[in-house]
N, C-alpha and C. Protein backbone atom coordinates (compact mmCIF):
# COMPACT_ATOMS: atom_id res chain seq x y z
N MET A 1 111.57 -77.61 -109.07
CA MET A 1 110.52 -77.19 -107.98
C MET A 1 109.58 -78.19 -107.68
N ILE A 2 108.97 -79.00 -108.86
CA ILE A 2 107.91 -79.83 -108.71
C ILE A 2 108.53 -81.01 -108.11
N GLN A 3 109.84 -81.45 -108.36
CA GLN A 3 110.45 -82.65 -107.73
C GLN A 3 110.77 -82.35 -106.42
N LEU A 4 111.03 -81.20 -105.90
CA LEU A 4 111.14 -80.92 -104.49
C LEU A 4 110.01 -81.17 -103.84
N ARG A 5 108.72 -80.58 -104.40
CA ARG A 5 107.45 -80.54 -103.72
C ARG A 5 107.11 -82.10 -103.62
N THR A 6 107.34 -82.92 -104.43
CA THR A 6 107.07 -84.15 -104.49
C THR A 6 107.72 -85.17 -103.59
N MET A 7 108.95 -84.73 -103.37
CA MET A 7 109.97 -85.54 -102.55
C MET A 7 109.59 -85.18 -101.15
N SER A 8 109.02 -83.91 -100.90
CA SER A 8 108.51 -83.47 -99.31
C SER A 8 107.32 -84.12 -99.26
N TYR A 9 106.40 -84.20 -100.26
CA TYR A 9 105.12 -84.79 -100.12
C TYR A 9 105.17 -86.30 -99.70
N LEU A 10 106.39 -87.09 -100.55
CA LEU A 10 106.52 -88.45 -100.20
C LEU A 10 107.22 -88.60 -98.72
N LEU A 11 107.99 -87.75 -98.21
CA LEU A 11 108.58 -87.94 -96.90
C LEU A 11 107.69 -87.65 -95.98
N HIS A 12 106.46 -86.76 -95.93
CA HIS A 12 105.57 -86.57 -94.95
C HIS A 12 104.40 -85.90 -95.76
N PRO A 13 103.54 -87.20 -96.15
CA PRO A 13 102.33 -86.70 -96.89
C PRO A 13 101.44 -86.01 -96.06
N PRO A 14 100.61 -84.85 -96.26
CA PRO A 14 99.54 -84.21 -95.46
C PRO A 14 98.60 -85.26 -95.09
N LEU A 15 98.26 -86.32 -95.82
CA LEU A 15 97.36 -87.31 -95.33
C LEU A 15 97.54 -87.91 -94.22
N LEU A 16 98.80 -88.05 -93.88
CA LEU A 16 99.17 -88.49 -92.81
C LEU A 16 98.50 -88.05 -91.45
N ASP A 17 98.66 -86.65 -91.37
CA ASP A 17 98.10 -85.81 -90.28
C ASP A 17 96.78 -85.78 -90.19
N GLU A 18 96.30 -85.52 -91.55
CA GLU A 18 94.79 -85.36 -91.65
C GLU A 18 94.05 -86.45 -91.40
N VAL A 19 94.15 -87.56 -91.95
CA VAL A 19 93.43 -88.89 -92.06
C VAL A 19 93.90 -90.24 -91.18
N GLY A 20 95.29 -89.96 -91.08
CA GLY A 20 95.87 -91.26 -90.52
C GLY A 20 96.71 -92.15 -91.33
N LEU A 21 97.31 -92.93 -90.57
CA LEU A 21 98.28 -93.99 -91.15
C LEU A 21 97.72 -94.69 -92.29
N LEU A 22 96.65 -95.46 -92.06
CA LEU A 22 95.99 -96.26 -92.90
C LEU A 22 95.83 -95.54 -94.38
N SER A 23 95.06 -94.46 -94.32
CA SER A 23 94.95 -93.74 -95.68
C SER A 23 96.09 -93.34 -96.29
N ALA A 24 97.15 -92.79 -95.58
CA ALA A 24 98.35 -92.38 -96.15
C ALA A 24 99.20 -93.75 -96.74
N LEU A 25 99.11 -94.76 -96.15
CA LEU A 25 99.86 -95.98 -96.49
C LEU A 25 99.06 -96.44 -97.83
N ASP A 26 97.74 -96.42 -97.94
CA ASP A 26 96.84 -96.81 -99.08
C ASP A 26 97.44 -95.99 -100.16
N TRP A 27 97.49 -94.54 -99.99
CA TRP A 27 97.79 -93.72 -100.95
C TRP A 27 99.33 -94.07 -101.53
N TYR A 28 100.23 -94.18 -100.64
CA TYR A 28 101.58 -94.40 -100.87
C TYR A 28 101.90 -95.71 -101.66
N ILE A 29 101.16 -96.74 -101.13
CA ILE A 29 101.40 -98.19 -101.76
C ILE A 29 100.66 -98.16 -103.10
N GLU A 30 99.74 -97.51 -103.32
CA GLU A 30 98.96 -97.42 -104.80
C GLU A 30 99.97 -96.79 -105.72
N GLY A 31 100.59 -95.76 -105.30
CA GLY A 31 101.64 -94.92 -106.21
C GLY A 31 102.94 -95.79 -106.46
N PHE A 32 103.37 -96.42 -105.29
CA PHE A 32 104.62 -97.44 -105.42
C PHE A 32 104.31 -98.33 -106.25
N SER A 33 103.11 -99.10 -106.45
CA SER A 33 102.93 -100.25 -107.24
C SER A 33 102.75 -99.76 -108.56
N GLN A 34 102.34 -98.59 -108.91
CA GLN A 34 102.28 -97.88 -110.27
C GLN A 34 103.61 -97.76 -110.89
N ARG A 35 104.33 -97.24 -109.81
CA ARG A 35 105.77 -96.82 -110.32
C ARG A 35 106.47 -98.01 -110.47
N SER A 36 106.50 -99.11 -109.65
CA SER A 36 107.40 -100.08 -109.66
C SER A 36 106.88 -101.51 -110.11
N GLY A 37 105.71 -101.59 -110.59
CA GLY A 37 105.10 -102.79 -111.16
C GLY A 37 105.02 -103.82 -109.97
N ILE A 38 105.42 -103.48 -108.55
CA ILE A 38 105.44 -104.50 -107.54
C ILE A 38 103.98 -104.41 -106.92
N LYS A 39 103.19 -105.61 -106.85
CA LYS A 39 101.90 -105.54 -106.21
C LYS A 39 102.01 -105.76 -104.76
N VAL A 40 101.54 -104.75 -104.02
CA VAL A 40 101.82 -104.76 -102.58
C VAL A 40 100.30 -104.77 -101.62
N ALA A 41 100.38 -106.12 -100.88
CA ALA A 41 98.92 -106.28 -100.08
C ALA A 41 99.29 -105.59 -98.55
N LEU A 42 98.38 -104.60 -98.25
CA LEU A 42 98.49 -104.19 -96.89
C LEU A 42 97.40 -105.01 -96.18
N GLN A 43 97.81 -105.32 -95.02
CA GLN A 43 96.88 -105.94 -93.95
C GLN A 43 97.07 -104.98 -92.63
N MET A 44 95.98 -104.29 -92.61
CA MET A 44 95.76 -103.26 -91.32
C MET A 44 94.45 -103.19 -91.09
N SER A 45 94.00 -103.24 -89.84
CA SER A 45 92.58 -103.31 -89.43
C SER A 45 92.00 -101.85 -89.62
N LYS A 46 90.82 -101.60 -90.03
CA LYS A 46 90.16 -100.23 -90.18
C LYS A 46 90.12 -99.73 -88.70
N LYS A 47 90.17 -100.60 -87.89
CA LYS A 47 89.86 -100.21 -86.32
C LYS A 47 91.25 -100.10 -85.64
N PHE A 48 92.47 -99.85 -86.45
CA PHE A 48 93.73 -99.91 -85.79
C PHE A 48 93.89 -98.70 -84.92
N GLY A 49 92.99 -97.39 -85.49
CA GLY A 49 93.27 -96.16 -84.76
C GLY A 49 94.47 -95.37 -84.86
N ARG A 50 94.58 -94.25 -84.48
CA ARG A 50 95.74 -93.40 -84.72
C ARG A 50 96.78 -93.81 -83.48
N LEU A 51 97.86 -93.49 -83.91
CA LEU A 51 99.16 -93.33 -82.90
C LEU A 51 99.54 -92.13 -82.95
N PRO A 52 100.51 -91.92 -81.78
CA PRO A 52 101.30 -90.53 -81.72
C PRO A 52 101.93 -90.32 -83.15
N ASN A 53 101.83 -89.04 -83.44
CA ASN A 53 102.24 -88.43 -84.64
C ASN A 53 103.52 -88.81 -85.22
N ASP A 54 104.52 -88.91 -84.25
CA ASP A 54 105.70 -89.25 -84.60
C ASP A 54 106.11 -90.83 -84.72
N MET A 55 105.21 -91.45 -84.09
CA MET A 55 105.28 -92.98 -84.52
C MET A 55 104.65 -93.28 -85.76
N GLU A 56 103.54 -92.59 -86.21
CA GLU A 56 102.98 -92.84 -87.45
C GLU A 56 103.85 -92.47 -88.59
N ILE A 57 104.56 -91.25 -88.42
CA ILE A 57 105.71 -90.91 -89.39
C ILE A 57 106.90 -91.95 -89.42
N ALA A 58 107.26 -92.52 -88.40
CA ALA A 58 108.17 -93.44 -88.10
C ALA A 58 107.84 -94.56 -89.17
N ILE A 59 106.69 -95.04 -88.71
CA ILE A 59 106.24 -96.34 -89.44
C ILE A 59 106.16 -95.87 -90.94
N PHE A 60 105.67 -94.92 -91.28
CA PHE A 60 105.41 -94.60 -92.72
C PHE A 60 106.82 -94.58 -93.49
N ARG A 61 107.79 -94.01 -92.78
CA ARG A 61 109.12 -94.11 -93.37
C ARG A 61 109.57 -95.30 -93.54
N VAL A 62 109.62 -96.19 -92.31
CA VAL A 62 110.17 -97.65 -92.42
C VAL A 62 109.63 -98.39 -93.61
N ILE A 63 108.26 -98.16 -93.70
CA ILE A 63 107.52 -98.95 -94.98
C ILE A 63 108.06 -98.38 -96.18
N GLN A 64 108.26 -97.10 -96.26
CA GLN A 64 109.06 -96.41 -97.53
C GLN A 64 110.18 -97.17 -98.00
N GLU A 65 111.08 -97.18 -96.76
CA GLU A 65 112.37 -97.81 -96.94
C GLU A 65 112.53 -99.26 -97.26
N CYS A 66 111.59 -99.91 -96.62
CA CYS A 66 111.45 -101.34 -97.07
C CYS A 66 111.06 -101.61 -98.37
N LEU A 67 110.04 -100.81 -98.97
CA LEU A 67 109.75 -101.27 -100.18
C LEU A 67 110.45 -100.66 -101.33
N THR A 68 111.29 -99.60 -100.90
CA THR A 68 112.46 -99.17 -101.87
C THR A 68 113.41 -100.25 -101.95
N ASN A 69 113.66 -100.93 -100.87
CA ASN A 69 114.78 -102.04 -100.87
C ASN A 69 114.33 -103.22 -101.75
N ILE A 70 113.03 -103.49 -101.53
CA ILE A 70 112.42 -104.58 -102.14
C ILE A 70 112.51 -104.25 -103.73
N HIS A 71 112.24 -103.08 -104.02
CA HIS A 71 112.30 -102.53 -105.56
C HIS A 71 113.79 -102.87 -106.18
N ARG A 72 114.75 -102.26 -105.28
CA ARG A 72 116.12 -102.22 -105.76
C ARG A 72 116.92 -103.56 -105.64
N HIS A 73 116.43 -104.29 -104.67
CA HIS A 73 117.39 -105.52 -104.59
C HIS A 73 116.74 -106.92 -104.59
N SER A 74 115.38 -107.06 -104.35
CA SER A 74 114.76 -108.20 -104.09
C SER A 74 114.50 -109.10 -105.42
N GLY A 75 114.00 -108.38 -106.62
CA GLY A 75 113.48 -108.97 -107.75
C GLY A 75 112.15 -109.57 -107.45
N SER A 76 111.50 -109.24 -106.24
CA SER A 76 110.20 -109.78 -106.02
C SER A 76 109.09 -108.95 -106.76
N LEU A 77 108.00 -109.57 -107.25
CA LEU A 77 107.11 -108.90 -107.96
C LEU A 77 105.80 -108.49 -106.98
N THR A 78 106.01 -109.09 -105.67
CA THR A 78 104.88 -108.92 -104.52
C THR A 78 105.53 -108.51 -103.43
N ALA A 79 104.77 -107.97 -102.53
CA ALA A 79 105.22 -107.58 -101.14
C ALA A 79 104.11 -107.65 -100.27
N ASP A 80 104.02 -107.96 -99.00
CA ASP A 80 103.23 -108.01 -98.03
C ASP A 80 103.38 -107.23 -96.92
N ILE A 81 102.50 -106.22 -96.43
CA ILE A 81 102.89 -105.56 -95.24
C ILE A 81 101.65 -105.79 -94.13
N LEU A 82 102.00 -106.23 -93.17
CA LEU A 82 100.84 -106.60 -91.97
C LEU A 82 101.37 -105.44 -90.69
N LEU A 83 100.36 -104.86 -90.37
CA LEU A 83 100.53 -103.90 -89.27
C LEU A 83 99.46 -104.13 -88.29
N SER A 84 99.84 -104.51 -87.22
CA SER A 84 98.88 -104.89 -86.06
C SER A 84 99.45 -104.24 -84.66
N ARG A 85 98.41 -104.12 -83.77
CA ARG A 85 98.83 -103.45 -82.49
C ARG A 85 98.00 -104.24 -81.31
N THR A 86 98.62 -104.13 -80.21
CA THR A 86 98.03 -104.48 -78.98
C THR A 86 98.00 -103.43 -78.03
N SER A 87 97.68 -103.47 -76.83
CA SER A 87 97.63 -102.21 -75.98
C SER A 87 99.14 -101.87 -75.54
N GLU A 88 100.08 -102.80 -75.88
CA GLU A 88 101.61 -102.56 -75.47
C GLU A 88 102.41 -102.07 -76.58
N ALA A 89 101.98 -102.72 -77.89
CA ALA A 89 103.00 -102.58 -78.98
C ALA A 89 102.35 -102.63 -80.21
N VAL A 90 103.14 -102.06 -81.37
CA VAL A 90 102.76 -102.10 -82.75
C VAL A 90 103.84 -102.90 -83.37
N THR A 91 103.18 -103.85 -84.21
CA THR A 91 104.19 -104.72 -84.87
C THR A 91 103.97 -104.70 -86.47
N LEU A 92 105.12 -104.32 -87.14
CA LEU A 92 104.99 -104.30 -88.44
C LEU A 92 105.95 -105.46 -89.13
N GLU A 93 105.38 -106.07 -90.32
CA GLU A 93 106.11 -107.03 -90.88
C GLU A 93 105.86 -106.59 -92.38
N VAL A 94 107.14 -106.87 -92.99
CA VAL A 94 107.15 -106.40 -94.49
C VAL A 94 107.84 -107.79 -95.02
N ILE A 95 107.22 -108.28 -95.89
CA ILE A 95 107.52 -109.58 -96.62
C ILE A 95 107.83 -109.47 -97.98
N ASP A 96 108.83 -109.94 -98.59
CA ASP A 96 109.00 -110.04 -100.05
C ASP A 96 109.21 -111.40 -100.48
N HIS A 97 109.25 -111.88 -101.72
CA HIS A 97 109.20 -113.21 -102.23
C HIS A 97 110.36 -113.02 -103.24
N GLY A 98 111.25 -112.53 -102.85
CA GLY A 98 112.46 -112.40 -104.02
C GLY A 98 113.48 -113.26 -103.47
N THR A 99 114.67 -112.73 -104.19
CA THR A 99 115.92 -113.64 -104.01
C THR A 99 116.53 -113.77 -102.64
N GLY A 100 116.11 -112.91 -101.69
CA GLY A 100 116.58 -113.01 -100.35
C GLY A 100 118.03 -112.36 -100.18
N ILE A 101 118.55 -112.27 -99.10
CA ILE A 101 119.80 -111.57 -98.70
C ILE A 101 120.72 -112.86 -98.63
N ALA A 102 121.79 -112.45 -99.32
CA ALA A 102 122.81 -113.55 -99.17
C ALA A 102 123.32 -113.90 -97.74
N PRO A 103 123.18 -115.25 -97.22
CA PRO A 103 123.67 -115.28 -95.82
C PRO A 103 124.81 -114.93 -95.38
N HIS A 104 125.83 -114.57 -96.03
CA HIS A 104 127.22 -114.10 -95.78
C HIS A 104 127.02 -112.52 -95.41
N ARG A 105 126.09 -111.77 -96.31
CA ARG A 105 125.67 -110.51 -95.91
C ARG A 105 124.99 -110.40 -94.71
N LEU A 106 124.02 -111.03 -94.58
CA LEU A 106 123.19 -110.92 -93.36
C LEU A 106 123.90 -111.37 -92.24
N ASN A 107 124.68 -112.33 -92.21
CA ASN A 107 125.36 -113.01 -90.96
C ASN A 107 126.51 -111.89 -90.58
N ALA A 108 127.11 -111.39 -91.83
CA ALA A 108 128.34 -110.58 -91.34
C ALA A 108 127.74 -109.25 -90.91
N GLY A 109 126.45 -108.94 -91.03
CA GLY A 109 126.11 -107.56 -90.64
C GLY A 109 126.10 -106.55 -91.54
N LYS A 110 126.48 -106.86 -92.90
CA LYS A 110 126.74 -105.82 -93.90
C LYS A 110 125.34 -105.22 -94.34
N VAL A 111 124.39 -106.10 -94.38
CA VAL A 111 123.06 -105.72 -94.76
C VAL A 111 122.64 -104.61 -93.54
N ILE A 112 122.84 -104.95 -92.34
CA ILE A 112 122.56 -104.16 -91.14
C ILE A 112 123.02 -102.89 -91.26
N ASP A 113 124.22 -102.68 -91.74
CA ASP A 113 124.96 -101.51 -91.70
C ASP A 113 124.85 -100.74 -92.66
N GLY A 114 123.93 -100.93 -93.79
CA GLY A 114 123.37 -100.16 -94.73
C GLY A 114 122.77 -98.95 -94.36
N ILE A 115 122.93 -97.78 -94.92
CA ILE A 115 122.22 -96.60 -94.51
C ILE A 115 120.85 -96.73 -94.37
N GLY A 116 120.16 -97.27 -95.29
CA GLY A 116 118.62 -97.68 -95.22
C GLY A 116 118.29 -98.44 -94.01
N MET A 117 119.03 -99.64 -93.88
CA MET A 117 118.61 -100.40 -92.61
C MET A 117 119.00 -99.85 -91.25
N MET A 118 120.20 -99.04 -91.35
CA MET A 118 120.50 -98.26 -90.00
C MET A 118 119.50 -97.29 -89.80
N GLY A 119 118.76 -96.60 -90.78
CA GLY A 119 117.69 -95.73 -90.43
C GLY A 119 116.41 -96.29 -89.87
N ILE A 120 116.25 -97.67 -90.48
CA ILE A 120 115.08 -98.37 -89.99
C ILE A 120 115.19 -98.53 -88.51
N LYS A 121 116.39 -99.23 -88.25
CA LYS A 121 116.66 -99.58 -86.84
C LYS A 121 116.68 -98.40 -85.90
N GLU A 122 117.15 -97.22 -86.40
CA GLU A 122 117.12 -96.06 -85.47
C GLU A 122 115.62 -95.47 -85.19
N ARG A 123 114.80 -95.54 -86.43
CA ARG A 123 113.49 -95.19 -86.09
C ARG A 123 112.77 -96.08 -85.35
N ILE A 124 113.10 -97.16 -85.36
CA ILE A 124 112.29 -98.14 -84.40
C ILE A 124 112.76 -98.22 -83.00
N ARG A 125 114.01 -98.15 -82.87
CA ARG A 125 114.74 -97.92 -81.63
C ARG A 125 114.23 -96.63 -80.78
N GLN A 126 113.87 -95.67 -81.37
CA GLN A 126 113.31 -94.43 -80.68
C GLN A 126 112.16 -94.72 -79.91
N PHE A 127 111.32 -95.76 -80.26
CA PHE A 127 110.11 -96.16 -79.46
C PHE A 127 110.28 -97.28 -78.71
N GLY A 128 111.52 -97.60 -78.39
CA GLY A 128 111.87 -98.70 -77.54
C GLY A 128 111.54 -100.01 -78.30
N GLY A 129 111.80 -100.01 -79.35
CA GLY A 129 111.72 -101.35 -80.40
C GLY A 129 112.81 -101.97 -80.93
N ALA A 130 112.46 -103.00 -81.72
CA ALA A 130 113.63 -103.80 -82.26
C ALA A 130 113.26 -104.16 -83.55
N VAL A 131 114.27 -104.53 -84.39
CA VAL A 131 113.92 -105.02 -85.96
C VAL A 131 114.70 -106.46 -85.95
N VAL A 132 113.93 -107.46 -86.51
CA VAL A 132 114.49 -108.75 -86.83
C VAL A 132 114.41 -108.95 -88.29
N ILE A 133 115.61 -109.34 -88.88
CA ILE A 133 115.49 -109.79 -90.25
C ILE A 133 115.82 -111.21 -90.54
N SER A 134 114.85 -111.78 -91.18
CA SER A 134 115.17 -113.15 -91.70
C SER A 134 115.07 -113.37 -93.30
N SER A 135 115.75 -114.09 -93.74
CA SER A 135 115.86 -114.15 -95.31
C SER A 135 116.26 -115.51 -95.68
N SER A 136 115.85 -115.92 -96.83
CA SER A 136 116.18 -117.23 -97.36
C SER A 136 116.15 -116.87 -98.98
N ALA A 137 116.35 -117.87 -100.01
CA ALA A 137 116.35 -117.84 -101.15
C ALA A 137 114.91 -117.60 -101.72
N LYS A 138 113.85 -117.75 -100.73
CA LYS A 138 112.51 -117.57 -100.99
C LYS A 138 111.86 -116.07 -100.74
N GLY A 139 112.83 -115.44 -100.17
CA GLY A 139 112.46 -113.96 -99.86
C GLY A 139 113.16 -113.46 -98.42
N THR A 140 112.44 -112.17 -97.99
CA THR A 140 112.95 -111.71 -96.88
C THR A 140 111.83 -111.17 -96.01
N LYS A 141 111.88 -111.31 -94.72
CA LYS A 141 110.90 -110.73 -93.88
C LYS A 141 111.62 -109.80 -92.77
N ILE A 142 111.21 -108.59 -92.75
CA ILE A 142 111.66 -107.57 -91.57
C ILE A 142 110.33 -107.52 -90.68
N ILE A 143 110.79 -107.64 -89.55
CA ILE A 143 109.66 -107.44 -88.41
C ILE A 143 110.21 -106.42 -87.41
N ALA A 144 109.44 -105.48 -87.19
CA ALA A 144 109.90 -104.32 -86.25
C ALA A 144 108.69 -104.24 -85.23
N THR A 145 109.09 -104.08 -84.09
CA THR A 145 108.13 -103.99 -82.85
C THR A 145 108.41 -102.70 -82.43
N LEU A 146 107.21 -101.78 -82.11
CA LEU A 146 107.55 -100.55 -81.25
C LEU A 146 106.59 -100.48 -80.10
N SER A 147 107.17 -99.94 -79.04
CA SER A 147 106.54 -100.13 -77.83
C SER A 147 105.38 -98.94 -77.85
N LEU A 148 104.34 -99.21 -77.19
CA LEU A 148 103.49 -98.36 -76.88
C LEU A 148 103.22 -97.71 -75.51
N LYS A 149 104.05 -98.32 -74.73
CA LYS A 149 104.16 -97.80 -73.36
C LYS A 149 105.18 -96.77 -73.30
N THR A 150 104.81 -95.57 -72.41
CA THR A 150 105.61 -94.55 -72.48
C THR A 150 106.57 -94.82 -71.18
N PRO A 151 107.82 -94.66 -71.65
CA PRO A 151 108.99 -94.75 -70.73
C PRO A 151 108.81 -94.16 -69.38
N ALA A 152 109.21 -94.94 -68.46
CA ALA A 152 109.07 -94.37 -66.84
C ALA A 152 109.99 -93.14 -66.75
N SER A 153 109.55 -92.12 -66.11
CA SER A 153 110.25 -90.85 -65.87
C SER A 153 111.26 -90.99 -64.78
């Protein structure tokens, strides 16, 4: 019962609805760092403001997936998350300093076809966005851009 409640809370923390993305991310990152030993730095302006609820949930879940991938695959002891916005778009960058993704996996699209990456791409795509992945032996960077413009009807 407790595990189910914890999982539900991690998937959609009430903090997200109550006080917004910044507070929910601070809470999640603190717990993630304690559990994984990975030091995570979040750069996000306190004046970032609120986004539509479904967009905040998508960004939160994408960050969760990225951090999980860093923990499972990269060997990095640190990660950086940069979240910024303009009047037209939100940009999310997640950077690790680990072993990187093998070029043959990245170029062959195998990493893109994993369930986690497919989920990330789909979450971003629902907001007219795109995901770009770059990787080397010095780490991996994922950049996701979500449109704040409402689609024309």
